Amino acid sequence: LGSDLERLAAEPRIAADPAATAYLERHIVMSGDLGDVPVLTVHTDGDG
């Protein structure tokens, strides 16, 4: 396992296109601002 983790660490990485990241930031990242809107979330614990 240690050798595989070292292999992952040595592998060249992938950089993002900043303009493309900005697109996902707009559509959408979370701000935490809910206004005055109550929000309920539901999730299964076995969701893969």
All heavy atoms as atom14 arrays in JSON, in Angstrom:
{
  "sequence": "LGSDLERLAAEPRIAADPAATAYLERHIVMSGDLGDVPVLTVHTDGDG",
  "atom14_mask": [
    [1, 1, 1, 1, 1, 1, 1, 1, 0, 0, 0, 0, 0, 0],
    [1, 1, 1, 1, 0, 0, 0, 0, 0, 0, 0, 0, 0, 0],
    [1, 1, 1, 1, 1, 1, 0, 0, 0, 0, 0, 0, 0, 0],
    [1, 1, 1, 1, 1, 1, 1, 1, 0, 0, 0, 0, 0, 0],
    [1, 1, 1, 1, 1, 1, 1, 1, 0, 0, 0, 0, 0, 0],
    [1, 1, 1, 1, 1, 1, 1, 1, 1, 0, 0, 0, 0, 0],
    [1, 1, 1, 1, 1, 1, 1, 1, 1, 1, 1, 0, 0, 0],
    [1, 1, 1, 1, 1, 1, 1, 1, 0, 0, 0, 0, 0, 0],
    [1, 1, 1, 1, 1, 0, 0, 0, 0, 0, 0, 0, 0, 0],
    [1, 1, 1, 1, 1, 0, 0, 0, 0, 0, 0, 0, 0, 0],
    [1, 1, 1, 1, 1, 1, 1, 1, 1, 0, 0, 0, 0, 0],
    [1, 1, 1, 1, 1, 1, 1, 0, 0, 0, 0, 0, 0, 0],
    [1, 1, 1, 1, 1, 1, 1, 1, 1, 1, 1, 0, 0, 0],
    [1, 1, 1, 1, 1, 1, 1, 1, 0, 0, 0, 0, 0, 0],
    [1, 1, 1, 1, 1, 0, 0, 0, 0, 0, 0, 0, 0, 0],
    [1, 1, 1, 1, 1, 0, 0, 0, 0, 0, 0, 0, 0, 0],
    [1, 1, 1, 1, 1, 1, 1, 1, 0, 0, 0, 0, 0, 0],
    [1, 1, 1, 1, 1, 1, 1, 0, 0, 0, 0, 0, 0, 0],
    [1, 1, 1, 1, 1, 0, 0, 0, 0, 0, 0, 0, 0, 0],
    [1, 1, 1, 1, 1, 0, 0, 0, 0, 0, 0, 0, 0, 0],
    [1, 1, 1, 1, 1, 1, 1, 0, 0, 0, 0, 0, 0, 0],
    [1, 1, 1, 1, 1, 0, 0, 0, 0, 0, 0, 0, 0, 0],
    [1, 1, 1, 1, 1, 1, 1, 1, 1, 1, 1, 1, 0, 0],
    [1, 1, 1, 1, 1, 1, 1, 1, 0, 0, 0, 0, 0, 0],
    [1, 1, 1, 1, 1, 1, 1, 1, 1, 0, 0, 0, 0, 0],
    [1, 1, 1, 1, 1, 1, 1, 1, 1, 1, 1, 0, 0, 0],
    [1, 1, 1, 1, 1, 1, 1, 1, 1, 1, 0, 0, 0, 0],
    [1, 1, 1, 1, 1, 1, 1, 1, 0, 0, 0, 0, 0, 0],
    [1, 1, 1, 1, 1, 1, 1, 0, 0, 0, 0, 0, 0, 0],
    [1, 1, 1, 1, 1, 1, 1, 1, 0, 0, 0, 0, 0, 0],
    [1, 1, 1, 1, 1, 1, 0, 0, 0, 0, 0, 0, 0, 0],
    [1, 1, 1, 1, 0, 0, 0, 0, 0, 0, 0, 0, 0, 0],
    [1, 1, 1, 1, 1, 1, 1, 1, 0, 0, 0, 0, 0, 0],
    [1, 1, 1, 1, 1, 1, 1, 1, 0, 0, 0, 0, 0, 0],
    [1, 1, 1, 1, 0, 0, 0, 0, 0, 0, 0, 0, 0, 0],
    [1, 1, 1, 1, 1, 1, 1, 1, 0, 0, 0, 0, 0, 0],
    [1, 1, 1, 1, 1, 1, 1, 0, 0, 0, 0, 0, 0, 0],
    [1, 1, 1, 1, 1, 1, 1, 0, 0, 0, 0, 0, 0, 0],
    [1, 1, 1, 1, 1, 1, 1, 0, 0, 0, 0, 0, 0, 0],
    [1, 1, 1, 1, 1, 1, 1, 1, 0, 0, 0, 0, 0, 0],
    [1, 1, 1, 1, 1, 1, 1, 0, 0, 0, 0, 0, 0, 0],
    [1, 1, 1, 1, 1, 1, 1, 0, 0, 0, 0, 0, 0, 0],
    [1, 1, 1, 1, 1, 1, 1, 1, 1, 1, 0, 0, 0, 0],
    [1, 1, 1, 1, 1, 1, 1, 0, 0, 0, 0, 0, 0, 0],
    [1, 1, 1, 1, 1, 1, 1, 1, 0, 0, 0, 0, 0, 0],
    [1, 1, 1, 1, 0, 0, 0, 0, 0, 0, 0, 0, 0, 0],
    [1, 1, 1, 1, 1, 1, 1, 1, 0, 0, 0, 0, 0, 0],
    [1, 1, 1, 1, 0, 0, 0, 0, 0, 0, 0, 0, 0, 0]
  ],
  "atom14_positions": [
    [[0.83, -1.2, 0.0], [0.0, 0.0, 0.0], [0.87, 1.26, 0.0], [0.58, 2.22, -0.71], [-0.93, -0.01, 1.21], [-1.83, 1.21, 1.4], [-2.7, 1.47, 0.18], [-2.71, 1.02, 2.65], [0.0, 0.0, 0.0], [0.0, 0.0, 0.0], [0.0, 0.0, 0.0], [0.0, 0.0, 0.0], [0.0, 0.0, 0.0], [0.0, 0.0, 0.0]],
    [[1.94, 1.24, 0.79], [2.81, 2.4, 0.82], [3.4, 2.72, -0.54], [3.5, 3.89, -0.94], [0.0, 0.0, 0.0], [0.0, 0.0, 0.0], [0.0, 0.0, 0.0], [0.0, 0.0, 0.0], [0.0, 0.0, 0.0], [0.0, 0.0, 0.0], [0.0, 0.0, 0.0], [0.0, 0.0, 0.0], [0.0, 0.0, 0.0], [0.0, 0.0, 0.0]],
    [[3.77, 1.68, -1.29], [4.33, 1.89, -2.63], [3.29, 2.5, -3.57], [3.6, 3.38, -4.39], [4.84, 0.57, -3.21], [5.93, 0.09, -2.44], [0.0, 0.0, 0.0], [0.0, 0.0, 0.0], [0.0, 0.0, 0.0], [0.0, 0.0, 0.0], [0.0, 0.0, 0.0], [0.0, 0.0, 0.0], [0.0, 0.0, 0.0], [0.0, 0.0, 0.0]],
    [[2.05, 2.04, -3.47], [1.0, 2.61, -4.32], [0.73, 4.07, -3.96], [0.49, 4.91, -4.85], [-0.28, 1.8, -4.2], [-0.35, 0.66, -5.21], [0.63, 0.48, -5.96], [-1.38, -0.06, -5.25], [0.0, 0.0, 0.0], [0.0, 0.0, 0.0], [0.0, 0.0, 0.0], [0.0, 0.0, 0.0], [0.0, 0.0, 0.0], [0.0, 0.0, 0.0]],
    [[0.77, 4.4, -2.68], [0.58, 5.8, -2.28], [1.73, 6.67, -2.77], [1.53, 7.82, -3.19], [0.42, 5.89, -0.77], [-0.87, 5.28, -0.19], [-0.84, 5.3, 1.33], [-2.11, 6.0, -0.72], [0.0, 0.0, 0.0], [0.0, 0.0, 0.0], [0.0, 0.0, 0.0], [0.0, 0.0, 0.0], [0.0, 0.0, 0.0], [0.0, 0.0, 0.0]],
    [[2.95, 6.12, -2.74], [4.09, 6.86, -3.29], [3.94, 7.05, -4.79], [4.31, 8.12, -5.33], [5.39, 6.11, -2.98], [5.77, 6.13, -1.51], [6.99, 5.26, -1.22], [7.55, 4.68, -2.18], [7.37, 5.16, -0.04], [0.0, 0.0, 0.0], [0.0, 0.0, 0.0], [0.0, 0.0, 0.0], [0.0, 0.0, 0.0], [0.0, 0.0, 0.0]],
    [[3.41, 6.07, -5.45], [3.18, 6.18, -6.9], [2.17, 7.28, -7.19], [2.35, 8.07, -8.13], [2.69, 4.83, -7.42], [2.52, 4.72, -8.92], [2.2, 3.27, -9.23], [1.72, 3.1, -10.6], [1.24, 1.95, -11.06], [1.2, 0.88, -10.26], [0.8, 1.87, -12.31], [0.0, 0.0, 0.0], [0.0, 0.0, 0.0], [0.0, 0.0, 0.0]],
    [[1.12, 7.35, -6.4], [0.14, 8.42, -6.57], [0.77, 9.79, -6.3], [0.49, 10.77, -7.01], [-1.05, 8.2, -5.64], [-1.97, 7.04, -5.98], [-2.92, 6.75, -4.83], [-2.76, 7.32, -7.26], [0.0, 0.0, 0.0], [0.0, 0.0, 0.0], [0.0, 0.0, 0.0], [0.0, 0.0, 0.0], [0.0, 0.0, 0.0], [0.0, 0.0, 0.0]],
    [[1.62, 9.85, -5.28], [2.26, 11.13, -4.95], [3.18, 11.6, -6.05], [3.34, 12.82, -6.26], [3.03, 10.98, -3.63], [0.0, 0.0, 0.0], [0.0, 0.0, 0.0], [0.0, 0.0, 0.0], [0.0, 0.0, 0.0], [0.0, 0.0, 0.0], [0.0, 0.0, 0.0], [0.0, 0.0, 0.0], [0.0, 0.0, 0.0], [0.0, 0.0, 0.0]],
    [[3.81, 10.66, -6.76], [4.78, 11.02, -7.81], [4.13, 11.31, -9.15], [4.77, 11.92, -10.03], [5.8, 9.89, -7.96], [0.0, 0.0, 0.0], [0.0, 0.0, 0.0], [0.0, 0.0, 0.0], [0.0, 0.0, 0.0], [0.0, 0.0, 0.0], [0.0, 0.0, 0.0], [0.0, 0.0, 0.0], [0.0, 0.0, 0.0], [0.0, 0.0, 0.0]],
    [[2.89, 10.91, -9.32], [2.22, 11.07, -10.63], [1.96, 12.54, -10.92], [1.52, 13.29, -10.05], [0.9, 10.3, -10.62], [0.17, 10.28, -11.95], [0.85, 9.4, -12.99], [1.78, 8.65, -12.64], [0.43, 9.48, -14.16], [0.0, 0.0, 0.0], [0.0, 0.0, 0.0], [0.0, 0.0, 0.0], [0.0, 0.0, 0.0], [0.0, 0.0, 0.0]],
    [[2.25, 13.01, -12.15], [1.94, 14.39, -12.5], [0.47, 14.71, -12.27], [-0.4, 13.88, -12.53], [2.3, 14.47, -13.99], [3.32, 13.4, -14.17], [2.93, 12.3, -13.25], [0.0, 0.0, 0.0], [0.0, 0.0, 0.0], [0.0, 0.0, 0.0], [0.0, 0.0, 0.0], [0.0, 0.0, 0.0], [0.0, 0.0, 0.0], [0.0, 0.0, 0.0]],
    [[0.22, 15.89, -11.75], [-1.13, 16.28, -11.36], [-1.84, 17.04, -12.47], [-1.25, 17.42, -13.49], [-1.1, 17.09, -10.07], [-0.48, 16.34, -8.89], [-1.17, 14.97, -8.7], [-0.53, 14.16, -7.68], [-0.88, 14.19, -6.41], [-1.85, 14.99, -5.99], [-0.27, 13.41, -5.54], [0.0, 0.0, 0.0], [0.0, 0.0, 0.0], [0.0, 0.0, 0.0]],
    [[-3.11, 17.28, -12.24], [-3.98, 17.94, -13.21], [-4.36, 19.3, -12.65], [-4.84, 19.41, -11.52], [-5.23, 17.09, -13.48], [-4.82, 15.75, -14.1], [-6.23, 17.84, -14.36], [-5.94, 14.74, -14.16], [0.0, 0.0, 0.0], [0.0, 0.0, 0.0], [0.0, 0.0, 0.0], [0.0, 0.0, 0.0], [0.0, 0.0, 0.0], [0.0, 0.0, 0.0]],
    [[-4.15, 20.32, -13.45], [-4.53, 21.68, -13.07], [-5.84, 22.05, -13.73], [-6.21, 21.51, -14.78], [-3.43, 22.67, -13.46], [0.0, 0.0, 0.0], [0.0, 0.0, 0.0], [0.0, 0.0, 0.0], [0.0, 0.0, 0.0], [0.0, 0.0, 0.0], [0.0, 0.0, 0.0], [0.0, 0.0, 0.0], [0.0, 0.0, 0.0], [0.0, 0.0, 0.0]],
    [[-6.54, 22.99, -13.11], [-7.83, 23.45, -13.64], [-7.64, 24.65, -14.55], [-6.67, 25.41, -14.43], [-8.76, 23.81, -12.49], [0.0, 0.0, 0.0], [0.0, 0.0, 0.0], [0.0, 0.0, 0.0], [0.0, 0.0, 0.0], [0.0, 0.0, 0.0], [0.0, 0.0, 0.0], [0.0, 0.0, 0.0], [0.0, 0.0, 0.0], [0.0, 0.0, 0.0]],
    [[-8.59, 24.83, -15.43], [-8.71, 26.08, -16.2], [-9.46, 27.07, -15.31], [-10.63, 26.82, -14.96], [-9.5, 25.8, -17.49], [-9.73, 27.04, -18.33], [-9.64, 28.15, -17.8], [-10.02, 26.89, -19.53], [0.0, 0.0, 0.0], [0.0, 0.0, 0.0], [0.0, 0.0, 0.0], [0.0, 0.0, 0.0], [0.0, 0.0, 0.0], [0.0, 0.0, 0.0]],
    [[-8.83, 28.18, -14.9], [-9.49, 29.1, -13.97], [-10.85, 29.59, -14.43], [-11.77, 29.74, -13.62], [-8.49, 30.26, -13.85], [-7.16, 29.64, -14.15], [-7.46, 28.6, -15.2], [0.0, 0.0, 0.0], [0.0, 0.0, 0.0], [0.0, 0.0, 0.0], [0.0, 0.0, 0.0], [0.0, 0.0, 0.0], [0.0, 0.0, 0.0], [0.0, 0.0, 0.0]],
    [[-11.0, 29.82, -15.73], [-12.3, 30.29, -16.23], [-13.37, 29.22, -16.07], [-14.53, 29.53, -15.78], [-12.19, 30.72, -17.69], [0.0, 0.0, 0.0], [0.0, 0.0, 0.0], [0.0, 0.0, 0.0], [0.0, 0.0, 0.0], [0.0, 0.0, 0.0], [0.0, 0.0, 0.0], [0.0, 0.0, 0.0], [0.0, 0.0, 0.0], [0.0, 0.0, 0.0]],
    [[-12.97, 27.96, -16.25], [-13.94, 26.86, -16.09], [-14.3, 26.7, -14.62], [-15.47, 26.43, -14.29], [-13.35, 25.57, -16.65], [0.0, 0.0, 0.0], [0.0, 0.0, 0.0], [0.0, 0.0, 0.0], [0.0, 0.0, 0.0], [0.0, 0.0, 0.0], [0.0, 0.0, 0.0], [0.0, 0.0, 0.0], [0.0, 0.0, 0.0], [0.0, 0.0, 0.0]],
    [[-13.32, 26.86, -13.72], [-13.63, 26.8, -12.29], [-14.59, 27.92, -11.92], [-15.54, 27.71, -11.13], [-12.35, 26.92, -11.46], [-11.45, 25.86, -11.82], [-12.66, 26.81, -9.97], [0.0, 0.0, 0.0], [0.0, 0.0, 0.0], [0.0, 0.0, 0.0], [0.0, 0.0, 0.0], [0.0, 0.0, 0.0], [0.0, 0.0, 0.0], [0.0, 0.0, 0.0]],
    [[-14.37, 29.1, -12.47], [-15.27, 30.23, -12.18], [-16.69, 29.94, -12.63], [-17.66, 30.37, -11.98], [-14.74, 31.5, -12.85], [0.0, 0.0, 0.0], [0.0, 0.0, 0.0], [0.0, 0.0, 0.0], [0.0, 0.0, 0.0], [0.0, 0.0, 0.0], [0.0, 0.0, 0.0], [0.0, 0.0, 0.0], [0.0, 0.0, 0.0], [0.0, 0.0, 0.0]],
    [[-16.83, 29.2, -13.72], [-18.17, 28.79, -14.19], [-18.86, 27.95, -13.12], [-20.04, 28.17, -12.78], [-18.05, 28.02, -15.49], [-19.28, 27.22, -15.85], [-20.35, 27.8, -16.52], [-19.38, 25.86, -15.49], [-21.49, 27.05, -16.83], [-20.5, 25.12, -15.8], [-21.55, 25.72, -16.46], [-22.67, 24.98, -16.75], [0.0, 0.0, 0.0], [0.0, 0.0, 0.0]],
    [[-18.13, 26.96, -12.56], [-18.74, 26.12, -11.52], [-18.98, 26.91, -10.24], [-19.93, 26.62, -9.5], [-17.86, 24.91, -11.23], [-17.88, 23.75, -12.22], [-17.18, 22.54, -11.64], [-19.29, 23.38, -12.65], [0.0, 0.0, 0.0], [0.0, 0.0, 0.0], [0.0, 0.0, 0.0], [0.0, 0.0, 0.0], [0.0, 0.0, 0.0], [0.0, 0.0, 0.0]],
    [[-18.15, 27.9, -9.97], [-18.4, 28.73, -8.79], [-19.73, 29.47, -8.92], [-20.46, 29.65, -7.94], [-17.26, 29.73, -8.62], [-15.96, 29.09, -8.17], [-14.78, 30.03, -8.23], [-14.92, 31.13, -8.81], [-13.71, 29.68, -7.71], [0.0, 0.0, 0.0], [0.0, 0.0, 0.0], [0.0, 0.0, 0.0], [0.0, 0.0, 0.0], [0.0, 0.0, 0.0]],
    [[-20.06, 29.87, -10.14], [-21.34, 30.55, -10.36], [-22.5, 29.57, -10.34], [-23.61, 29.93, -9.95], [-21.33, 31.3, -11.71], [-20.32, 32.44, -11.78], [-20.54, 33.29, -13.03], [-20.42, 32.53, -14.28], [-19.29, 32.32, -14.93], [-18.13, 32.76, -14.42], [-19.27, 31.64, -16.08], [0.0, 0.0, 0.0], [0.0, 0.0, 0.0], [0.0, 0.0, 0.0]],
    [[-22.25, 28.32, -10.74], [-23.35, 27.36, -10.95], [-23.04, 26.0, -10.33], [-23.03, 25.01, -11.04], [-23.62, 27.19, -12.43], [-23.7, 28.42, -13.24], [-24.67, 29.38, -13.06], [-22.89, 28.88, -14.25], [-24.5, 30.37, -13.94], [-23.43, 30.08, -14.65], [0.0, 0.0, 0.0], [0.0, 0.0, 0.0], [0.0, 0.0, 0.0], [0.0, 0.0, 0.0]],
    [[-22.85, 25.77, -9.06], [-22.95, 26.74, -8.0], [-22.17, 26.2, -6.82], [-22.1, 24.98, -6.63], [-24.44, 27.01, -7.63], [-24.59, 28.22, -6.71], [-25.06, 25.76, -7.05], [-26.06, 28.67, -6.54], [0.0, 0.0, 0.0], [0.0, 0.0, 0.0], [0.0, 0.0, 0.0], [0.0, 0.0, 0.0], [0.0, 0.0, 0.0], [0.0, 0.0, 0.0]],
    [[-21.53, 27.11, -6.06], [-20.97, 26.73, -4.78], [-21.85, 27.31, -3.68], [-22.59, 28.28, -3.91], [-19.5, 27.19, -4.61], [-18.61, 26.58, -5.69], [-19.39, 28.69, -4.56], [0.0, 0.0, 0.0], [0.0, 0.0, 0.0], [0.0, 0.0, 0.0], [0.0, 0.0, 0.0], [0.0, 0.0, 0.0], [0.0, 0.0, 0.0], [0.0, 0.0, 0.0]],
    [[-21.75, 26.73, -2.51], [-22.64, 27.12, -1.42], [-22.05, 28.29, -0.62], [-20.86, 28.31, -0.32], [-22.88, 25.94, -0.49], [-23.55, 24.76, -1.16], [-25.18, 25.17, -1.78], [-25.05, 24.69, -3.5], [0.0, 0.0, 0.0], [0.0, 0.0, 0.0], [0.0, 0.0, 0.0], [0.0, 0.0, 0.0], [0.0, 0.0, 0.0], [0.0, 0.0, 0.0]],
    [[-22.9, 29.24, -0.3], [-22.5, 30.39, 0.49], [-22.84, 30.24, 1.97], [-22.28, 30.94, 2.82], [-23.17, 31.66, -0.05], [-24.57, 31.62, 0.22], [0.0, 0.0, 0.0], [0.0, 0.0, 0.0], [0.0, 0.0, 0.0], [0.0, 0.0, 0.0], [0.0, 0.0, 0.0], [0.0, 0.0, 0.0], [0.0, 0.0, 0.0], [0.0, 0.0, 0.0]],
    [[-23.79, 29.37, 2.28], [-24.29, 29.24, 3.64], [-25.37, 30.25, 3.98], [-25.97, 30.18, 5.06], [0.0, 0.0, 0.0], [0.0, 0.0, 0.0], [0.0, 0.0, 0.0], [0.0, 0.0, 0.0], [0.0, 0.0, 0.0], [0.0, 0.0, 0.0], [0.0, 0.0, 0.0], [0.0, 0.0, 0.0], [0.0, 0.0, 0.0], [0.0, 0.0, 0.0]],
    [[-25.64, 31.18, 3.08], [-26.66, 32.2, 3.32], [-28.02, 31.66, 2.9], [-28.28, 31.47, 1.71], [-26.32, 33.47, 2.54], [-27.29, 34.62, 2.83], [-28.21, 34.43, 3.66], [-27.13, 35.7, 2.23], [0.0, 0.0, 0.0], [0.0, 0.0, 0.0], [0.0, 0.0, 0.0], [0.0, 0.0, 0.0], [0.0, 0.0, 0.0], [0.0, 0.0, 0.0]],
    [[-28.88, 31.43, 3.86], [-30.21, 30.88, 3.58], [-31.28, 31.96, 3.58], [-32.47, 31.63, 3.43], [-30.56, 29.8, 4.61], [-29.53, 28.66, 4.78], [-30.05, 27.63, 5.76], [-29.19, 28.03, 3.45], [0.0, 0.0, 0.0], [0.0, 0.0, 0.0], [0.0, 0.0, 0.0], [0.0, 0.0, 0.0], [0.0, 0.0, 0.0], [0.0, 0.0, 0.0]],
    [[-30.9, 33.23, 3.74], [-31.92, 34.27, 3.84], [-32.77, 34.01, 5.06], [-32.25, 33.83, 6.16], [0.0, 0.0, 0.0], [0.0, 0.0, 0.0], [0.0, 0.0, 0.0], [0.0, 0.0, 0.0], [0.0, 0.0, 0.0], [0.0, 0.0, 0.0], [0.0, 0.0, 0.0], [0.0, 0.0, 0.0], [0.0, 0.0, 0.0], [0.0, 0.0, 0.0]],
    [[-34.05, 33.94, 4.86], [-34.97, 33.55, 5.94], [-35.66, 32.23, 5.62], [-36.75, 31.95, 6.13], [-36.03, 34.64, 6.16], [-35.43, 35.93, 6.7], [-34.54, 35.83, 7.56], [-35.81, 37.01, 6.23], [0.0, 0.0, 0.0], [0.0, 0.0, 0.0], [0.0, 0.0, 0.0], [0.0, 0.0, 0.0], [0.0, 0.0, 0.0], [0.0, 0.0, 0.0]],
    [[-35.05, 31.42, 4.75], [-35.69, 30.21, 4.24], [-35.28, 29.0, 5.07], [-34.1, 28.63, 5.1], [-35.32, 29.97, 2.76], [-36.02, 28.72, 2.23], [-35.67, 31.19, 1.91], [0.0, 0.0, 0.0], [0.0, 0.0, 0.0], [0.0, 0.0, 0.0], [0.0, 0.0, 0.0], [0.0, 0.0, 0.0], [0.0, 0.0, 0.0], [0.0, 0.0, 0.0]],
    [[-36.2, 28.34, 5.76], [-35.85, 27.09, 6.45], [-35.58, 25.98, 5.43], [-36.32, 25.82, 4.44], [-37.08, 26.78, 7.29], [-38.2, 27.52, 6.65], [-37.61, 28.72, 5.99], [0.0, 0.0, 0.0], [0.0, 0.0, 0.0], [0.0, 0.0, 0.0], [0.0, 0.0, 0.0], [0.0, 0.0, 0.0], [0.0, 0.0, 0.0], [0.0, 0.0, 0.0]],
    [[-34.52, 25.25, 5.67], [-34.09, 24.19, 4.75], [-33.99, 22.87, 5.51], [-33.36, 22.8, 6.58], [-32.73, 24.53, 4.11], [-32.26, 23.38, 3.21], [-32.8, 25.83, 3.33], [0.0, 0.0, 0.0], [0.0, 0.0, 0.0], [0.0, 0.0, 0.0], [0.0, 0.0, 0.0], [0.0, 0.0, 0.0], [0.0, 0.0, 0.0], [0.0, 0.0, 0.0]],
    [[-34.6, 21.83, 4.95], [-34.49, 20.47, 5.49], [-33.8, 19.62, 4.44], [-34.17, 19.64, 3.27], [-35.87, 19.9, 5.8], [-35.92, 18.47, 6.35], [-35.24, 18.38, 7.7], [-37.38, 17.98, 6.45], [0.0, 0.0, 0.0], [0.0, 0.0, 0.0], [0.0, 0.0, 0.0], [0.0, 0.0, 0.0], [0.0, 0.0, 0.0], [0.0, 0.0, 0.0]],
    [[-32.76, 18.88, 4.85], [-32.11, 17.96, 3.93], [-32.35, 16.53, 4.41], [-32.48, 16.27, 5.61], [-30.59, 18.22, 3.84], [-29.95, 17.84, 5.05], [-30.31, 19.68, 3.55], [0.0, 0.0, 0.0], [0.0, 0.0, 0.0], [0.0, 0.0, 0.0], [0.0, 0.0, 0.0], [0.0, 0.0, 0.0], [0.0, 0.0, 0.0], [0.0, 0.0, 0.0]],
    [[-32.39, 15.6, 3.45], [-32.59, 14.18, 3.74], [-31.57, 13.4, 2.92], [-31.38, 13.69, 1.73], [-34.01, 13.7, 3.41], [-34.25, 12.29, 3.94], [-35.07, 14.66, 3.94], [0.0, 0.0, 0.0], [0.0, 0.0, 0.0], [0.0, 0.0, 0.0], [0.0, 0.0, 0.0], [0.0, 0.0, 0.0], [0.0, 0.0, 0.0], [0.0, 0.0, 0.0]],
    [[-30.93, 12.42, 3.53], [-29.92, 11.64, 2.82], [-29.93, 10.22, 3.36], [-30.18, 10.0, 4.56], [-28.54, 12.25, 3.04], [-27.64, 12.17, 1.84], [-27.36, 13.25, 1.03], [-26.96, 11.13, 1.31], [-26.55, 12.9, 0.06], [-26.29, 11.61, 0.2], [0.0, 0.0, 0.0], [0.0, 0.0, 0.0], [0.0, 0.0, 0.0], [0.0, 0.0, 0.0]],
    [[-29.66, 9.24, 2.5], [-29.41, 7.87, 2.98], [-27.94, 7.74, 3.36], [-27.07, 8.37, 2.75], [-29.75, 6.83, 1.91], [-28.99, 7.1, 0.72], [-31.23, 6.84, 1.58], [0.0, 0.0, 0.0], [0.0, 0.0, 0.0], [0.0, 0.0, 0.0], [0.0, 0.0, 0.0], [0.0, 0.0, 0.0], [0.0, 0.0, 0.0], [0.0, 0.0, 0.0]],
    [[-27.67, 6.88, 4.34], [-26.27, 6.69, 4.74], [-25.53, 5.79, 3.79], [-24.3, 5.77, 3.78], [-26.19, 6.14, 6.16], [-26.84, 4.77, 6.32], [-27.9, 4.53, 5.7], [-26.32, 3.94, 7.09], [0.0, 0.0, 0.0], [0.0, 0.0, 0.0], [0.0, 0.0, 0.0], [0.0, 0.0, 0.0], [0.0, 0.0, 0.0], [0.0, 0.0, 0.0]],
    [[-26.24, 5.04, 2.94], [-25.61, 4.13, 2.0], [-25.61, 4.64, 0.58], [-25.74, 3.86, -0.36], [0.0, 0.0, 0.0], [0.0, 0.0, 0.0], [0.0, 0.0, 0.0], [0.0, 0.0, 0.0], [0.0, 0.0, 0.0], [0.0, 0.0, 0.0], [0.0, 0.0, 0.0], [0.0, 0.0, 0.0], [0.0, 0.0, 0.0], [0.0, 0.0, 0.0]],
    [[-25.44, 5.94, 0.4], [-25.43, 6.55, -0.93], [-24.0, 6.61, -1.44], [-23.17, 7.36, -0.91], [-26.04, 7.95, -0.86], [-26.31, 8.55, -2.23], [-25.68, 8.12, -3.22], [-27.15, 9.47, -2.33], [0.0, 0.0, 0.0], [0.0, 0.0, 0.0], [0.0, 0.0, 0.0], [0.0, 0.0, 0.0], [0.0, 0.0, 0.0], [0.0, 0.0, 0.0]],
    [[-23.71, 5.86, -2.47], [-22.36, 5.83, -3.03], [-22.2, 6.69, -4.26], [-21.1, 6.74, -4.83], [0.0, 0.0, 0.0], [0.0, 0.0, 0.0], [0.0, 0.0, 0.0], [0.0, 0.0, 0.0], [0.0, 0.0, 0.0], [0.0, 0.0, 0.0], [0.0, 0.0, 0.0], [0.0, 0.0, 0.0], [0.0, 0.0, 0.0], [0.0, 0.0, 0.0]]
  ]
}
